[in-house]
Amino acid sequence: MGFWIIAGLAAFVLGLSKGGMPVVAILSVPLMSLYMDPALAAGLLLPLYLVADVYAIYLFRRDFSVRNLAILLPAAPLGVLGGYFAVTVVSTDATKLLLAAIGLSYIARSVTNRLRSRTVPARPADVPRGVIWGAVAGLTSYIAHAGGPPYQTYVLPQKLDKMVYLGTTAIFFAAVNLMKLPAYILADQLDWASVAQAAWLAPFALAGAFSGAKISRWLPDKVFFALIELALAVVSVKLLVEGVTGLLN
């Protein structure tokens, strides 16, 4: 019973992210890891991501950044391929520390600018940074469905319109999740048993996506992006503590 309660919560959380509350999905794999190996947890959750991706694309299909997708999507397969080969070599704790460093460095810059009362102009999408962060997002998404922090680090400074941001995010991660599917099958992280379990959890993911869409559309833009930064900070600290604790044990 405990497994299904945690699994349902993890499915709902990842659904929230697809409905417009990004970053919180990073909590889904740690939740599932309470009952199973993180790599297998990632495999079980992938079908749920794919189901929720369809709904997310439907919700935000009208607004997205073509330039960002043109830069990020060609780079993502490099990260996914790297994740396929690295998942058995790079420890989960090391990945958590990498994600924490990325997230906290962005938050530190953002807080510093606010303390200095400095208005930072929007930073346009550029190819060098986009290729790097797109590949890193593909890598961390493969290992732990945790592509959010590197993606946010690249996209948030652009100060996109909220709906454009949501549409770009939905399309990018839907594509990344499809890229991960063959690799997960080859790595035995996904099989028919996990697909059957995912089928029972799909309603929770869709309920989360529906709830996330309602919340994200209702929130004012400033509050929406402030909450994303807050969630990124909380998750980054959590990953830092877990990574350090895991390496010391």
Protein backbone atom coordinates (compact mmCIF):
# COMPACT_ATOMS: atom_id res chain seq x y z
CA MET A 1 0.00 0.00 0.00
CA GLY A 2 2.82 2.39 0.87
CA PHE A 3 4.34 1.94 -2.59
CA TRP A 4 1.13 2.91 -4.37
CA ILE A 5 0.57 5.96 -2.18
CA ILE A 6 4.07 7.26 -2.91
CA ALA A 7 3.80 6.30 -6.58
CA GLY A 8 0.47 8.12 -6.90
CA LEU A 9 1.98 11.22 -5.29
CA ALA A 10 5.00 11.07 -7.61
CA ALA A 11 2.69 10.75 -10.63
CA PHE A 12 0.60 13.71 -9.47
CA VAL A 13 3.72 15.83 -8.92
CA LEU A 14 5.10 15.13 -12.39
CA GLY A 15 1.67 15.92 -13.79
CA LEU A 16 1.71 19.28 -12.00
CA SER A 17 4.95 20.13 -13.79
CA LYS A 18 3.49 19.26 -17.18
CA GLY A 19 0.45 21.39 -16.46
CA GLY A 20 2.61 24.46 -15.95
CA MET A 21 4.46 24.17 -12.64
CA PRO A 22 7.98 23.27 -13.83
CA VAL A 23 10.81 22.10 -11.57
CA VAL A 24 8.55 20.28 -9.07
CA ALA A 25 8.74 17.15 -11.25
CA ILE A 26 12.31 16.71 -10.06
CA LEU A 27 10.81 15.42 -6.81
CA SER A 28 9.19 12.42 -8.50
CA VAL A 29 12.27 10.19 -8.82
CA PRO A 30 13.44 10.84 -5.22
CA LEU A 31 9.95 9.93 -4.02
CA MET A 32 9.92 6.67 -5.98
CA SER A 33 13.47 5.96 -4.83
CA LEU A 34 12.07 5.35 -1.35
CA TYR A 35 10.82 2.01 -2.70
CA MET A 36 13.03 1.15 -5.66
CA ASP A 37 16.38 1.75 -7.38
CA PRO A 38 16.53 5.30 -8.85
CA ALA A 39 17.28 3.99 -12.36
CA LEU A 40 14.24 1.69 -12.26
CA ALA A 41 12.16 4.50 -10.76
CA ALA A 42 13.08 6.69 -13.71
CA GLY A 43 12.02 3.87 -16.05
CA LEU A 44 8.65 3.43 -14.35
CA LEU A 45 7.94 7.16 -14.51
CA LEU A 46 8.85 7.63 -18.19
CA PRO A 47 5.51 6.35 -19.59
CA LEU A 48 3.72 8.75 -17.21
CA TYR A 49 5.81 11.63 -18.51
CA LEU A 50 4.92 10.68 -22.08
CA VAL A 51 1.19 10.60 -21.28
CA ALA A 52 1.35 13.95 -19.48
CA ASP A 53 3.48 15.40 -22.33
CA VAL A 54 0.62 14.87 -24.78
CA TYR A 55 -1.71 16.86 -22.53
CA ALA A 56 0.91 19.58 -21.96
CA ILE A 57 1.48 20.08 -25.69
CA TYR A 58 -2.27 20.31 -26.21
CA LEU A 59 -2.54 22.95 -23.45
CA PHE A 60 0.32 25.17 -24.63
CA ARG A 61 0.41 24.39 -28.36
CA ARG A 62 -0.27 27.97 -29.48
CA ASP A 63 2.71 29.71 -27.85
CA PHE A 64 6.36 28.65 -27.98
CA SER A 65 9.79 29.95 -28.94
CA VAL A 66 10.88 28.52 -32.28
CA ARG A 67 14.41 29.86 -31.84
CA ASN A 68 14.88 28.22 -28.44
CA LEU A 69 13.64 24.88 -29.70
CA ALA A 70 15.86 25.12 -32.79
CA ILE A 71 18.87 25.59 -30.51
CA LEU A 72 18.01 23.22 -27.66
CA LEU A 73 16.54 20.21 -29.45
CA PRO A 74 19.58 19.30 -31.61
CA ALA A 75 21.77 19.39 -28.48
CA ALA A 76 19.50 17.27 -26.27
CA PRO A 77 20.25 13.90 -27.98
CA LEU A 78 23.94 14.35 -27.12
CA GLY A 79 23.00 14.55 -23.45
CA VAL A 80 20.59 11.62 -23.67
CA LEU A 81 23.29 9.49 -25.33
CA GLY A 82 25.76 10.55 -22.66
CA GLY A 83 23.23 9.64 -19.96
CA TYR A 84 22.75 6.18 -21.48
CA PHE A 85 26.46 5.43 -21.14
CA ALA A 86 26.93 7.32 -17.86
CA VAL A 87 23.99 5.96 -15.87
CA THR A 88 25.95 2.90 -14.73
CA VAL A 89 29.14 4.89 -14.11
CA VAL A 90 28.05 8.21 -12.63
CA SER A 91 26.45 7.80 -9.22
CA THR A 92 23.06 9.25 -8.47
CA ASP A 93 24.65 11.29 -5.68
CA ALA A 94 27.13 12.89 -8.09
CA THR A 95 24.25 13.79 -10.42
CA LYS A 96 22.38 15.37 -7.51
CA LEU A 97 25.41 17.52 -6.67
CA LEU A 98 25.71 18.64 -10.29
CA LEU A 99 22.04 19.64 -10.39
CA ALA A 100 22.33 21.42 -7.04
CA ALA A 101 25.34 23.41 -8.25
CA ILE A 102 23.54 24.47 -11.43
CA GLY A 103 20.37 25.49 -9.64
CA LEU A 104 22.04 27.31 -6.76
CA SER A 105 24.42 29.22 -9.02
CA TYR A 106 21.45 30.61 -10.95
CA ILE A 107 19.58 31.51 -7.75
CA ALA A 108 22.70 33.20 -6.34
CA ARG A 109 23.00 35.42 -9.41
CA SER A 110 19.31 36.27 -9.29
CA VAL A 111 19.37 37.18 -5.59
CA THR A 112 22.54 39.25 -6.01
CA ASN A 113 20.93 41.30 -8.76
CA ARG A 114 17.87 41.93 -6.61
CA LEU A 115 19.94 43.01 -3.60
CA ARG A 116 21.78 45.46 -5.81
CA SER A 117 18.44 46.70 -7.13
CA ARG A 118 19.79 45.97 -10.53
CA THR A 119 17.45 45.33 -13.43
CA VAL A 120 19.07 42.80 -15.70
CA PRO A 121 17.98 43.06 -19.34
CA ALA A 122 16.57 39.99 -20.98
CA ARG A 123 19.31 37.78 -22.36
CA PRO A 124 18.49 36.59 -25.88
CA ALA A 125 18.68 32.94 -26.83
CA ASP A 126 22.17 32.17 -28.10
CA VAL A 127 23.62 29.07 -29.70
CA PRO A 128 26.72 28.38 -27.54
CA ARG A 129 24.87 28.49 -24.21
CA GLY A 130 21.83 26.77 -25.67
CA VAL A 131 23.84 23.85 -26.98
CA ILE A 132 25.61 23.39 -23.64
CA TRP A 133 22.51 23.66 -21.47
CA GLY A 134 20.41 21.63 -23.92
CA ALA A 135 22.92 18.78 -23.74
CA VAL A 136 23.17 18.99 -19.93
CA ALA A 137 19.38 18.99 -19.68
CA GLY A 138 19.27 15.85 -21.84
CA LEU A 139 21.90 14.18 -19.64
CA THR A 140 20.27 14.94 -16.29
CA SER A 141 16.81 14.23 -17.67
CA TYR A 142 17.97 10.77 -18.74
CA ILE A 143 19.55 9.92 -15.39
CA ALA A 144 16.83 11.20 -13.07
CA HIS A 145 14.14 13.08 -15.05
CA ALA A 146 15.89 16.16 -13.74
CA GLY A 147 16.40 18.34 -16.79
CA GLY A 148 14.70 21.31 -15.13
CA PRO A 149 17.62 23.11 -13.42
CA PRO A 150 19.90 23.32 -16.51
CA TYR A 151 16.94 24.21 -18.72
CA GLN A 152 15.80 26.94 -16.30
CA THR A 153 19.33 28.32 -16.10
CA TYR A 154 19.29 28.90 -19.85
CA VAL A 155 15.69 29.98 -20.40
CA LEU A 156 14.73 32.07 -17.35
CA PRO A 157 17.23 34.90 -18.07
CA GLN A 158 15.46 35.42 -21.41
CA LYS A 159 12.34 36.68 -19.56
CA LEU A 160 9.97 35.04 -21.98
CA ASP A 161 6.23 35.61 -21.87
CA LYS A 162 4.68 33.10 -19.46
CA MET A 163 2.71 31.19 -22.09
CA VAL A 164 5.67 31.13 -24.50
CA TYR A 165 7.82 29.80 -21.68
CA LEU A 166 5.28 27.08 -20.87
CA GLY A 167 4.84 26.07 -24.51
CA THR A 168 8.59 25.90 -25.14
CA THR A 169 9.09 23.85 -21.99
CA ALA A 170 6.30 21.43 -22.88
CA ILE A 171 7.59 20.77 -26.39
CA PHE A 172 11.25 20.51 -25.39
CA PHE A 173 10.74 17.96 -22.63
CA ALA A 174 8.19 15.97 -24.63
CA ALA A 175 10.85 15.57 -27.33
CA VAL A 176 13.53 14.69 -24.78
CA ASN A 177 11.31 12.04 -23.18
CA LEU A 178 10.69 10.45 -26.58
CA MET A 179 14.45 10.40 -27.17
CA LYS A 180 14.91 8.57 -23.87
CA LEU A 181 12.41 5.80 -24.64
CA PRO A 182 14.64 3.55 -26.85
CA ALA A 183 17.60 3.98 -24.50
CA TYR A 184 15.51 3.08 -21.43
CA ILE A 185 14.32 -0.09 -23.16
CA LEU A 186 17.87 -1.06 -24.19
CA ALA A 187 19.12 -0.42 -20.65
CA ASP A 188 16.33 -2.60 -19.17
CA GLN A 189 15.01 0.36 -17.21
CA LEU A 190 11.60 -0.04 -18.84
CA ASP A 191 9.70 -3.28 -19.42
CA TRP A 192 6.10 -4.46 -19.71
CA ALA A 193 5.74 -4.82 -15.95
CA SER A 194 6.62 -1.18 -15.37
CA VAL A 195 4.34 -0.12 -18.24
CA ALA A 196 1.46 -1.99 -16.54
CA GLN A 197 2.18 -0.21 -13.27
CA ALA A 198 2.35 3.11 -15.09
CA ALA A 199 -1.09 2.47 -16.60
CA TRP A 200 -2.60 2.38 -13.11
CA LEU A 201 -0.83 5.63 -12.21
CA ALA A 202 -1.69 7.54 -15.39
CA PRO A 203 -4.92 9.06 -13.95
CA PHE A 204 -2.88 10.65 -11.15
CA ALA A 205 -0.49 12.19 -13.68
CA LEU A 206 -3.36 13.58 -15.75
CA ALA A 207 -5.07 14.95 -12.62
CA GLY A 208 -1.81 16.69 -11.72
CA ALA A 209 -1.49 18.14 -15.22
CA PHE A 210 -5.06 19.45 -15.08
CA SER A 211 -4.42 21.04 -11.66
CA GLY A 212 -1.10 22.54 -12.78
CA ALA A 213 -2.74 24.13 -15.82
CA LYS A 214 -5.40 25.78 -13.68
CA ILE A 215 -2.82 27.12 -11.21
CA SER A 216 -0.34 28.39 -13.82
CA ARG A 217 -3.00 30.28 -15.80
CA TRP A 218 -4.41 31.87 -12.65
CA LEU A 219 -1.09 33.10 -11.23
CA PRO A 220 0.21 36.56 -12.27
CA ASP A 221 3.44 36.39 -14.28
CA LYS A 222 5.67 37.85 -11.54
CA VAL A 223 4.32 35.46 -8.94
CA PHE A 224 4.59 32.53 -11.36
CA PHE A 225 8.28 33.07 -12.10
CA ALA A 226 9.04 33.89 -8.45
CA LEU A 227 7.52 30.54 -7.47
CA ILE A 228 9.61 28.76 -10.09
CA GLU A 229 12.77 30.32 -8.68
CA LEU A 230 11.68 29.41 -5.14
CA ALA A 231 10.98 25.82 -6.18
CA LEU A 232 14.34 25.67 -7.94
CA ALA A 233 16.09 26.90 -4.78
CA VAL A 234 14.30 24.41 -2.50
CA VAL A 235 14.93 21.47 -4.82
CA SER A 236 18.58 22.47 -5.29
CA VAL A 237 19.18 22.58 -1.53
CA LYS A 238 17.45 19.23 -1.15
CA LEU A 239 19.63 17.71 -3.87
CA LEU A 240 22.76 19.21 -2.29
CA VAL A 241 21.98 17.66 1.11
CA GLU A 242 21.09 14.29 -0.41
CA GLY A 243 24.18 14.27 -2.64
CA VAL A 244 26.60 15.15 0.16
CA THR A 245 24.97 12.69 2.56
CA GLY A 246 25.05 9.91 -0.02
CA LEU A 247 28.72 10.43 -0.85
CA LEU A 248 29.71 10.52 2.82
CA ASN A 249 27.86 7.29 3.67
